[in-house]
Amino acid sequence: MRNTSNNPNAFQHKRQDKDKDFKTQLKTIFKFLQEHIATASMVSAETGVPQKNICRYKRDLEKAGQLWETEKKLCKETGFRAWYLTTNPDNAPFNNQLKMF
């Protein structure tokens, strides 16, 4: 098959937009969770970021030590039990695992 596009950089341009969306969505989620404690579904409803993307960003932020699960209770958006999330260190649950030794 031949590429019939008149713009040889069309594919490259799309990739740049996706990277920009990634950074913008991550910042949006991080800022929202600084001010609110919410589930991924609630964040999606408020910010417009797809929930699947939020799950990926959640994992990345958890690994970086910048996101915490505060409590598991019924989600106001879905009605199912889910973890409430925060990126605000003041709302992070206390971890006394270091005091075990």
PDB file of N, CA and C in Angstrom:
ATOM      1  N   MET A   1       0.837  -1.180   0.000  1.00  0.00           N
ATOM      2  CA  MET A   1       0.000   0.000   0.000  1.00  0.00           C
ATOM      3  C   MET A   1       0.880   1.240   0.000  1.00  0.00           C
ATOM      4  N   ARG A   2       0.434   2.249  -0.656  1.00  0.00           N
ATOM      5  CA  ARG A   2       1.178   3.499  -0.725  1.00  0.00           C
ATOM      6  C   ARG A   2       0.568   4.521   0.220  1.00  0.00           C
ATOM      7  N   ASN A   3       1.419   5.320   0.764  1.00  0.00           N
ATOM      8  CA  ASN A   3       0.964   6.420   1.601  1.00  0.00           C
ATOM      9  C   ASN A   3       0.539   7.565   0.695  1.00  0.00           C
ATOM     10  N   THR A   4      -0.728   7.918   0.720  1.00  0.00           N
ATOM     11  CA  THR A   4      -1.233   8.947  -0.185  1.00  0.00           C
ATOM     12  C   THR A   4      -1.299  10.313   0.487  1.00  0.00           C
ATOM     13  N   SER A   5      -0.798  10.424   1.693  1.00  0.00           N
ATOM     14  CA  SER A   5      -0.831  11.693   2.401  1.00  0.00           C
ATOM     15  C   SER A   5       0.109  12.695   1.741  1.00  0.00           C
ATOM     16  N   ASN A   6      -0.335  13.911   1.604  1.00  0.00           N
ATOM     17  CA  ASN A   6       0.503  14.965   1.041  1.00  0.00           C
ATOM     18  C   ASN A   6       1.504  15.495   2.063  1.00  0.00           C
ATOM     19  N   ASN A   7       1.261  15.223   3.328  1.00  0.00           N
ATOM     20  CA  ASN A   7       2.135  15.716   4.386  1.00  0.00           C
ATOM     21  C   ASN A   7       2.937  14.549   4.949  1.00  0.00           C
ATOM     22  N   PRO A   8       4.240  14.468   4.673  1.00  0.00           N
ATOM     23  CA  PRO A   8       5.018  13.324   5.160  1.00  0.00           C
ATOM     24  C   PRO A   8       5.184  13.310   6.674  1.00  0.00           C
ATOM     25  N   ASN A   9       4.953  14.428   7.350  1.00  0.00           N
ATOM     26  CA  ASN A   9       5.120  14.495   8.797  1.00  0.00           C
ATOM     27  C   ASN A   9       3.793  14.362   9.545  1.00  0.00           C
ATOM     28  N   ALA A  10       2.750  13.912   8.875  1.00  0.00           N
ATOM     29  CA  ALA A  10       1.428  13.821   9.500  1.00  0.00           C
ATOM     30  C   ALA A  10       1.446  12.874  10.693  1.00  0.00           C
ATOM     31  N   PHE A  11       2.099  11.731  10.558  1.00  0.00           N
ATOM     32  CA  PHE A  11       2.146  10.775  11.666  1.00  0.00           C
ATOM     33  C   PHE A  11       2.917  11.356  12.845  1.00  0.00           C
ATOM     34  N   GLN A  12       4.018  11.989  12.563  1.00  0.00           N
ATOM     35  CA  GLN A  12       4.838  12.566  13.622  1.00  0.00           C
ATOM     36  C   GLN A  12       4.051  13.651  14.359  1.00  0.00           C
ATOM     37  N   HIS A  13       3.275  14.416  13.652  1.00  0.00           N
ATOM     38  CA  HIS A  13       2.482  15.474  14.270  1.00  0.00           C
ATOM     39  C   HIS A  13       1.474  14.899  15.270  1.00  0.00           C
ATOM     40  N   LYS A  14       0.829  13.787  14.916  1.00  0.00           N
ATOM     41  CA  LYS A  14      -0.136  13.160  15.820  1.00  0.00           C
ATOM     42  C   LYS A  14       0.532  12.713  17.108  1.00  0.00           C
ATOM     43  N   ARG A  15       1.724  12.161  17.025  1.00  0.00           N
ATOM     44  CA  ARG A  15       2.428  11.705  18.220  1.00  0.00           C
ATOM     45  C   ARG A  15       2.727  12.864  19.159  1.00  0.00           C
ATOM     46  N   GLN A  16       3.064  14.011  18.623  1.00  0.00           N
ATOM     47  CA  GLN A  16       3.348  15.156  19.464  1.00  0.00           C
ATOM     48  C   GLN A  16       2.092  15.600  20.201  1.00  0.00           C
ATOM     49  N   ASP A  17       0.945  15.557  19.541  1.00  0.00           N
ATOM     50  CA  ASP A  17      -0.301  15.922  20.197  1.00  0.00           C
ATOM     51  C   ASP A  17      -0.619  14.971  21.338  1.00  0.00           C
ATOM     52  N   LYS A  18      -0.393  13.678  21.133  1.00  0.00           N
ATOM     53  CA  LYS A  18      -0.668  12.713  22.189  1.00  0.00           C
ATOM     54  C   LYS A  18       0.210  12.973  23.395  1.00  0.00           C
ATOM     55  N   ASP A  19       1.478  13.294  23.184  1.00  0.00           N
ATOM     56  CA  ASP A  19       2.378  13.575  24.295  1.00  0.00           C
ATOM     57  C   ASP A  19       1.919  14.817  25.042  1.00  0.00           C
ATOM     58  N   LYS A  20       1.437  15.809  24.316  1.00  0.00           N
ATOM     59  CA  LYS A  20       0.946  17.027  24.942  1.00  0.00           C
ATOM     60  C   LYS A  20      -0.294  16.716  25.780  1.00  0.00           C
ATOM     61  N   ASP A  21      -1.199  15.874  25.243  1.00  0.00           N
ATOM     62  CA  ASP A  21      -2.389  15.470  25.990  1.00  0.00           C
ATOM     63  C   ASP A  21      -1.993  14.749  27.262  1.00  0.00           C
ATOM     64  N   PHE A  22      -0.991  13.872  27.183  1.00  0.00           N
ATOM     65  CA  PHE A  22      -0.538  13.115  28.333  1.00  0.00           C
ATOM     66  C   PHE A  22      -0.131  14.058  29.457  1.00  0.00           C
ATOM     67  N   LYS A  23       0.707  15.036  29.146  1.00  0.00           N
ATOM     68  CA  LYS A  23       1.186  15.966  30.166  1.00  0.00           C
ATOM     69  C   LYS A  23       0.051  16.815  30.712  1.00  0.00           C
ATOM     70  N   THR A  24      -0.848  17.253  29.854  1.00  0.00           N
ATOM     71  CA  THR A  24      -1.965  18.085  30.278  1.00  0.00           C
ATOM     72  C   THR A  24      -2.921  17.286  31.168  1.00  0.00           C
ATOM     73  N   GLN A  25      -3.245  16.061  30.767  1.00  0.00           N
ATOM     74  CA  GLN A  25      -4.144  15.235  31.569  1.00  0.00           C
ATOM     75  C   GLN A  25      -3.528  14.907  32.925  1.00  0.00           C
ATOM     76  N   LEU A  26      -2.253  14.585  32.935  1.00  0.00           N
ATOM     77  CA  LEU A  26      -1.575  14.265  34.190  1.00  0.00           C
ATOM     78  C   LEU A  26      -1.596  15.461  35.131  1.00  0.00           C
ATOM     79  N   LYS A  27      -1.313  16.654  34.612  1.00  0.00           N
ATOM     80  CA  LYS A  27      -1.341  17.861  35.441  1.00  0.00           C
ATOM     81  C   LYS A  27      -2.752  18.142  35.946  1.00  0.00           C
ATOM     82  N   THR A  28      -3.749  17.932  35.093  1.00  0.00           N
ATOM     83  CA  THR A  28      -5.141  18.160  35.475  1.00  0.00           C
ATOM     84  C   THR A  28      -5.545  17.241  36.619  1.00  0.00           C
ATOM     85  N   ILE A  29      -5.205  15.973  36.497  1.00  0.00           N
ATOM     86  CA  ILE A  29      -5.546  14.999  37.534  1.00  0.00           C
ATOM     87  C   ILE A  29      -4.809  15.322  38.829  1.00  0.00           C
ATOM     88  N   PHE A  30      -3.513  15.597  38.718  1.00  0.00           N
ATOM     89  CA  PHE A  30      -2.709  15.889  39.909  1.00  0.00           C
ATOM     90  C   PHE A  30      -3.273  17.102  40.653  1.00  0.00           C
ATOM     91  N   LYS A  31      -3.580  18.165  39.919  1.00  0.00           N
ATOM     92  CA  LYS A  31      -4.104  19.382  40.549  1.00  0.00           C
ATOM     93  C   LYS A  31      -5.479  19.132  41.168  1.00  0.00           C
ATOM     94  N   PHE A  32      -6.340  18.406  40.470  1.00  0.00           N
ATOM     95  CA  PHE A  32      -7.673  18.114  41.005  1.00  0.00           C
ATOM     96  C   PHE A  32      -7.567  17.346  42.322  1.00  0.00           C
ATOM     97  N   LEU A  33      -6.662  16.352  42.362  1.00  0.00           N
ATOM     98  CA  LEU A  33      -6.523  15.537  43.569  1.00  0.00           C
ATOM     99  C   LEU A  33      -5.754  16.247  44.676  1.00  0.00           C
ATOM    100  N   GLN A  34      -5.115  17.367  44.370  1.00  0.00           N
ATOM    101  CA  GLN A  34      -4.513  18.194  45.417  1.00  0.00           C
ATOM    102  C   GLN A  34      -5.608  18.849  46.250  1.00  0.00           C
ATOM    103  N   GLU A  35      -6.697  19.196  45.594  1.00  0.00           N
ATOM    104  CA  GLU A  35      -7.772  19.940  46.241  1.00  0.00           C
ATOM    105  C   GLU A  35      -8.951  19.069  46.657  1.00  0.00           C
ATOM    106  N   HIS A  36      -9.065  17.859  46.106  1.00  0.00           N
ATOM    107  CA  HIS A  36     -10.205  16.984  46.380  1.00  0.00           C
ATOM    108  C   HIS A  36      -9.719  15.568  46.695  1.00  0.00           C
ATOM    109  N   ILE A  37     -10.535  14.836  47.421  1.00  0.00           N
ATOM    110  CA  ILE A  37     -10.328  13.395  47.600  1.00  0.00           C
ATOM    111  C   ILE A  37     -11.454  12.728  46.823  1.00  0.00           C
ATOM    112  N   ALA A  38     -11.101  11.904  45.831  1.00  0.00           N
ATOM    113  CA  ALA A  38     -12.113  11.354  44.932  1.00  0.00           C
ATOM    114  C   ALA A  38     -11.653  10.030  44.354  1.00  0.00           C
ATOM    115  N   THR A  39     -12.612   9.272  43.818  1.00  0.00           N
ATOM    116  CA  THR A  39     -12.292   8.028  43.117  1.00  0.00           C
ATOM    117  C   THR A  39     -11.930   8.363  41.674  1.00  0.00           C
ATOM    118  N   ALA A  40     -11.394   7.397  40.955  1.00  0.00           N
ATOM    119  CA  ALA A  40     -11.035   7.605  39.549  1.00  0.00           C
ATOM    120  C   ALA A  40     -12.272   7.967  38.732  1.00  0.00           C
ATOM    121  N   SER A  41     -13.396   7.352  39.018  1.00  0.00           N
ATOM    122  CA  SER A  41     -14.634   7.663  38.283  1.00  0.00           C
ATOM    123  C   SER A  41     -15.092   9.091  38.554  1.00  0.00           C
ATOM    124  N   MET A  42     -14.959   9.529  39.785  1.00  0.00           N
ATOM    125  CA  MET A  42     -15.343  10.893  40.133  1.00  0.00           C
ATOM    126  C   MET A  42     -14.415  11.906  39.468  1.00  0.00           C
ATOM    127  N   VAL A  43     -13.124  11.601  39.428  1.00  0.00           N
ATOM    128  CA  VAL A  43     -12.153  12.479  38.767  1.00  0.00           C
ATOM    129  C   VAL A  43     -12.480  12.567  37.277  1.00  0.00           C
ATOM    130  N   SER A  44     -12.802  11.439  36.671  1.00  0.00           N
ATOM    131  CA  SER A  44     -13.143  11.411  35.255  1.00  0.00           C
ATOM    132  C   SER A  44     -14.370  12.280  34.970  1.00  0.00           C
ATOM    133  N   ALA A  45     -15.381  12.171  35.805  1.00  0.00           N
ATOM    134  CA  ALA A  45     -16.603  12.951  35.612  1.00  0.00           C
ATOM    135  C   ALA A  45     -16.348  14.448  35.764  1.00  0.00           C
ATOM    136  N   GLU A  46     -15.483  14.829  36.669  1.00  0.00           N
ATOM    137  CA  GLU A  46     -15.212  16.244  36.928  1.00  0.00           C
ATOM    138  C   GLU A  46     -14.242  16.868  35.928  1.00  0.00           C
ATOM    139  N   THR A  47     -13.250  16.104  35.479  1.00  0.00           N
ATOM    140  CA  THR A  47     -12.198  16.670  34.629  1.00  0.00           C
ATOM    141  C   THR A  47     -12.368  16.374  33.147  1.00  0.00           C
ATOM    142  N   GLY A  48     -13.126  15.330  32.814  1.00  0.00           N
ATOM    143  CA  GLY A  48     -13.294  14.941  31.425  1.00  0.00           C
ATOM    144  C   GLY A  48     -12.190  14.034  30.903  1.00  0.00           C
ATOM    145  N   VAL A  49     -11.241  13.673  31.761  1.00  0.00           N
ATOM    146  CA  VAL A  49     -10.169  12.755  31.366  1.00  0.00           C
ATOM    147  C   VAL A  49     -10.740  11.340  31.417  1.00  0.00           C
ATOM    148  N   PRO A  50     -10.565  10.521  30.370  1.00  0.00           N
ATOM    149  CA  PRO A  50     -11.105   9.158  30.389  1.00  0.00           C
ATOM    150  C   PRO A  50     -10.570   8.346  31.579  1.00  0.00           C
ATOM    151  N   GLN A  51     -11.450   7.521  32.152  1.00  0.00           N
ATOM    152  CA  GLN A  51     -11.082   6.770  33.347  1.00  0.00           C
ATOM    153  C   GLN A  51      -9.907   5.825  33.098  1.00  0.00           C
ATOM    154  N   LYS A  52      -9.816   5.232  31.925  1.00  0.00           N
ATOM    155  CA  LYS A  52      -8.692   4.338  31.628  1.00  0.00           C
ATOM    156  C   LYS A  52      -7.373   5.092  31.707  1.00  0.00           C
ATOM    157  N   ASN A  53      -7.358   6.327  31.251  1.00  0.00           N
ATOM    158  CA  ASN A  53      -6.144   7.133  31.357  1.00  0.00           C
ATOM    159  C   ASN A  53      -5.821   7.430  32.816  1.00  0.00           C
ATOM    160  N   ILE A  54      -6.856   7.715  33.596  1.00  0.00           N
ATOM    161  CA  ILE A  54      -6.653   8.019  35.011  1.00  0.00           C
ATOM    162  C   ILE A  54      -6.016   6.830  35.717  1.00  0.00           C
ATOM    163  N   CYS A  55      -6.435   5.621  35.401  1.00  0.00           N
ATOM    164  CA  CYS A  55      -5.858   4.425  36.019  1.00  0.00           C
ATOM    165  C   CYS A  55      -4.364   4.316  35.710  1.00  0.00           C
ATOM    166  N   ARG A  56      -3.987   4.639  34.495  1.00  0.00           N
ATOM    167  CA  ARG A  56      -2.572   4.595  34.121  1.00  0.00           C
ATOM    168  C   ARG A  56      -1.784   5.673  34.863  1.00  0.00           C
ATOM    169  N   TYR A  57      -2.320   6.880  34.926  1.00  0.00           N
ATOM    170  CA  TYR A  57      -1.647   7.966  35.637  1.00  0.00           C
ATOM    171  C   TYR A  57      -1.576   7.664  37.132  1.00  0.00           C
ATOM    172  N   LYS A  58      -2.617   7.033  37.658  1.00  0.00           N
ATOM    173  CA  LYS A  58      -2.644   6.662  39.072  1.00  0.00           C
ATOM    174  C   LYS A  58      -1.468   5.748  39.400  1.00  0.00           C
ATOM    175  N   ARG A  59      -1.247   4.755  38.571  1.00  0.00           N
ATOM    176  CA  ARG A  59      -0.140   3.829  38.791  1.00  0.00           C
ATOM    177  C   ARG A  59       1.199   4.564  38.760  1.00  0.00           C
ATOM    178  N   ASP A  60       1.370   5.441  37.787  1.00  0.00           N
ATOM    179  CA  ASP A  60       2.623   6.192  37.663  1.00  0.00           C
ATOM    180  C   ASP A  60       2.848   7.099  38.867  1.00  0.00           C
ATOM    181  N   LEU A  61       1.789   7.785  39.317  1.00  0.00           N
ATOM    182  CA  LEU A  61       1.925   8.673  40.466  1.00  0.00           C
ATOM    183  C   LEU A  61       2.179   7.895  41.761  1.00  0.00           C
ATOM    184  N   GLU A  62       1.550   6.722  41.899  1.00  0.00           N
ATOM    185  CA  GLU A  62       1.798   5.885  43.082  1.00  0.00           C
ATOM    186  C   GLU A  62       3.255   5.436  43.131  1.00  0.00           C
ATOM    187  N   LYS A  63       3.787   5.007  41.995  1.00  0.00           N
ATOM    188  CA  LYS A  63       5.181   4.567  41.944  1.00  0.00           C
ATOM    189  C   LYS A  63       6.135   5.707  42.274  1.00  0.00           C
ATOM    190  N   ALA A  64       5.755   6.934  41.907  1.00  0.00           N
ATOM    191  CA  ALA A  64       6.581   8.105  42.187  1.00  0.00           C
ATOM    192  C   ALA A  64       6.388   8.606  43.619  1.00  0.00           C
ATOM    193  N   GLY A  65       5.462   7.997  44.363  1.00  0.00           N
ATOM    194  CA  GLY A  65       5.209   8.399  45.743  1.00  0.00           C
ATOM    195  C   GLY A  65       4.446   9.703  45.860  1.00  0.00           C
ATOM    196  N   GLN A  66       3.644  10.036  44.837  1.00  0.00           N
ATOM    197  CA  GLN A  66       2.912  11.302  44.837  1.00  0.00           C
ATOM    198  C   GLN A  66       1.399  11.129  44.903  1.00  0.00           C
ATOM    199  N   LEU A  67       0.905   9.900  45.031  1.00  0.00           N
ATOM    200  CA  LEU A  67      -0.527   9.651  45.112  1.00  0.00           C
ATOM    201  C   LEU A  67      -0.772   8.583  46.158  1.00  0.00           C
ATOM    202  N   TRP A  68      -1.833   8.768  46.959  1.00  0.00           N
ATOM    203  CA  TRP A  68      -2.156   7.817  48.019  1.00  0.00           C
ATOM    204  C   TRP A  68      -3.629   7.444  47.967  1.00  0.00           C
ATOM    205  N   GLU A  69      -3.916   6.217  48.358  1.00  0.00           N
ATOM    206  CA  GLU A  69      -5.287   5.751  48.542  1.00  0.00           C
ATOM    207  C   GLU A  69      -5.637   6.018  49.999  1.00  0.00           C
ATOM    208  N   THR A  70      -6.699   6.783  50.233  1.00  0.00           N
ATOM    209  CA  THR A  70      -7.029   7.166  51.602  1.00  0.00           C
ATOM    210  C   THR A  70      -7.982   6.181  52.275  1.00  0.00           C
ATOM    211  N   GLU A  71      -9.055   5.825  51.595  1.00  0.00           N
ATOM    212  CA  GLU A  71     -10.014   4.884  52.171  1.00  0.00           C
ATOM    213  C   GLU A  71     -10.825   4.239  51.060  1.00  0.00           C
ATOM    214  N   LYS A  72     -11.362   3.087  51.358  1.00  0.00           N
ATOM    215  CA  LYS A  72     -12.185   2.376  50.377  1.00  0.00           C
ATOM    216  C   LYS A  72     -13.627   2.407  50.868  1.00  0.00           C
ATOM    217  N   LYS A  73     -14.473   3.070  50.081  1.00  0.00           N
ATOM    218  CA  LYS A  73     -15.893   3.150  50.418  1.00  0.00           C
ATOM    219  C   LYS A  73     -16.694   3.337  49.135  1.00  0.00           C
ATOM    220  N   LEU A  74     -17.994   3.464  49.245  1.00  0.00           N
ATOM    221  CA  LEU A  74     -18.842   3.581  48.062  1.00  0.00           C
ATOM    222  C   LEU A  74     -18.532   4.856  47.289  1.00  0.00           C
ATOM    223  N   CYS A  75     -18.376   4.688  45.994  1.00  0.00           N
ATOM    224  CA  CYS A  75     -18.117   5.812  45.093  1.00  0.00           C
ATOM    225  C   CYS A  75     -19.432   6.559  44.865  1.00  0.00           C
ATOM    226  N   LYS A  76     -19.377   7.873  44.921  1.00  0.00           N
ATOM    227  CA  LYS A  76     -20.574   8.685  44.698  1.00  0.00           C
ATOM    228  C   LYS A  76     -21.007   8.680  43.234  1.00  0.00           C
ATOM    229  N   GLU A  77     -20.096   8.338  42.343  1.00  0.00           N
ATOM    230  CA  GLU A  77     -20.395   8.314  40.911  1.00  0.00           C
ATOM    231  C   GLU A  77     -20.993   6.979  40.465  1.00  0.00           C
ATOM    232  N   THR A  78     -20.391   5.857  40.910  1.00  0.00           N
ATOM    233  CA  THR A  78     -20.803   4.534  40.432  1.00  0.00           C
ATOM    234  C   THR A  78     -21.630   3.739  41.432  1.00  0.00           C
ATOM    235  N   GLY A  79     -21.483   4.028  42.704  1.00  0.00           N
ATOM    236  CA  GLY A  79     -22.190   3.267  43.738  1.00  0.00           C
ATOM    237  C   GLY A  79     -21.456   2.007  44.161  1.00  0.00           C
ATOM    238  N   PHE A  80     -20.301   1.731  43.580  1.00  0.00           N
ATOM    239  CA  PHE A  80     -19.502   0.563  43.942  1.00  0.00           C
ATOM    240  C   PHE A  80     -18.379   0.984  44.897  1.00  0.00           C
ATOM    241  N   ARG A  81     -17.884  -0.004  45.658  1.00  0.00           N
ATOM    242  CA  ARG A  81     -16.755   0.278  46.546  1.00  0.00           C
ATOM    243  C   ARG A  81     -15.511   0.565  45.705  1.00  0.00           C
ATOM    244  N   ALA A  82     -14.814   1.638  46.067  1.00  0.00           N
ATOM    245  CA  ALA A  82     -13.611   2.033  45.326  1.00  0.00           C
ATOM    246  C   ALA A  82     -12.710   2.826  46.254  1.00  0.00           C
ATOM    247  N   TRP A  83     -11.435   2.913  45.879  1.00  0.00           N
ATOM    248  CA  TRP A  83     -10.466   3.682  46.654  1.00  0.00           C
ATOM    249  C   TRP A  83     -10.623   5.164  46.362  1.00  0.00           C
ATOM    250  N   TYR A  84     -10.633   5.960  47.409  1.00  0.00           N
ATOM    251  CA  TYR A  84     -10.584   7.410  47.279  1.00  0.00           C
ATOM    252  C   TYR A  84      -9.117   7.815  47.251  1.00  0.00           C
ATOM    253  N   LEU A  85      -8.778   8.712  46.324  1.00  0.00           N
ATOM    254  CA  LEU A  85      -7.388   9.054  46.035  1.00  0.00           C
ATOM    255  C   LEU A  85      -7.097  10.502  46.397  1.00  0.00           C
ATOM    256  N   THR A  86      -5.810  10.774  46.680  1.00  0.00           N
ATOM    257  CA  THR A  86      -5.355  12.137  46.906  1.00  0.00           C
ATOM    258  C   THR A  86      -3.902  12.268  46.494  1.00  0.00           C
ATOM    259  N   THR A  87      -3.517  13.471  46.080  1.00  0.00           N
ATOM    260  CA  THR A  87      -2.112  13.768  45.834  1.00  0.00           C
ATOM    261  C   THR A  87      -1.606  14.787  46.860  1.00  0.00           C
ATOM    262  N   ASN A  88      -2.452  15.157  47.791  1.00  0.00           N
ATOM    263  CA  ASN A  88      -2.087  16.101  48.840  1.00  0.00           C
ATOM    264  C   ASN A  88      -1.450  15.331  49.995  1.00  0.00           C
ATOM    265  N   PRO A  89      -0.174  15.583  50.312  1.00  0.00           N
ATOM    266  CA  PRO A  89       0.496  14.841  51.391  1.00  0.00           C
ATOM    267  C   PRO A  89      -0.177  15.017  52.746  1.00  0.00           C
ATOM    268  N   ASP A  90      -0.881  16.138  52.951  1.00  0.00           N
ATOM    269  CA  ASP A  90      -1.581  16.357  54.223  1.00  0.00           C
ATOM    270  C   ASP A  90      -2.740  15.381  54.407  1.00  0.00           C
ATOM    271  N   ASN A  91      -3.295  14.871  53.309  1.00  0.00           N
ATOM    272  CA  ASN A  91      -4.412  13.919  53.368  1.00  0.00           C
ATOM    273  C   ASN A  91      -3.957  12.471  53.248  1.00  0.00           C
ATOM    274  N   ALA A  92      -2.654  12.260  53.085  1.00  0.00           N
ATOM    275  CA  ALA A  92      -2.127  10.898  52.922  1.00  0.00           C
ATOM    276  C   ALA A  92      -2.292  10.125  54.222  1.00  0.00           C
ATOM    277  N   PRO A  93      -2.619   8.839  54.134  1.00  0.00           N
ATOM    278  CA  PRO A  93      -2.739   8.025  55.347  1.00  0.00           C
ATOM    279  C   PRO A  93      -1.374   7.839  55.996  1.00  0.00           C
ATOM    280  N   PHE A  94      -1.382   7.758  57.299  1.00  0.00           N
ATOM    281  CA  PHE A  94      -0.141   7.557  58.042  1.00  0.00           C
ATOM    282  C   PHE A  94       0.350   6.134  57.829  1.00  0.00           C
ATOM    283  N   ASN A  95       1.636   5.965  57.544  1.00  0.00           N
ATOM    284  CA  ASN A  95       2.224   4.656  57.320  1.00  0.00           C
ATOM    285  C   ASN A  95       3.243   4.400  58.422  1.00  0.00           C
ATOM    286  N   ASN A  96       2.928   3.490  59.331  1.00  0.00           N
ATOM    287  CA  ASN A  96       3.860   3.190  60.416  1.00  0.00           C
ATOM    288  C   ASN A  96       4.653   1.924  60.145  1.00  0.00           C
ATOM    289  N   GLN A  97       4.739   1.512  58.905  1.00  0.00           N
ATOM    290  CA  GLN A  97       5.471   0.303  58.556  1.00  0.00           C
ATOM    291  C   GLN A  97       6.952   0.448  58.911  1.00  0.00           C
ATOM    292  N   LEU A  98       7.508   1.628  58.822  1.00  0.00           N
ATOM    293  CA  LEU A  98       8.905   1.834  59.156  1.00  0.00           C
ATOM    294  C   LEU A  98       9.190   1.625  60.646  1.00  0.00           C
ATOM    295  N   LYS A  99       8.172   1.770  61.477  1.00  0.00           N
ATOM    296  CA  LYS A  99       8.359   1.599  62.922  1.00  0.00           C
ATOM    297  C   LYS A  99       8.311   0.156  63.354  1.00  0.00           C
ATOM    298  N   MET A 100       8.098  -0.756  62.409  1.00  0.00           N
ATOM    299  CA  MET A 100       8.007  -2.170  62.780  1.00  0.00           C
ATOM    300  C   MET A 100       9.370  -2.722  63.182  1.00  0.00           C
ATOM    301  N   PHE A 101      10.450  -2.148  62.713  1.00  0.00           N
ATOM    302  CA  PHE A 101      11.763  -2.706  62.979  1.00  0.00           C
ATOM    303  C   PHE A 101      12.564  -1.813  63.863  1.00  0.00           C
TER     304      PHE A 101
END
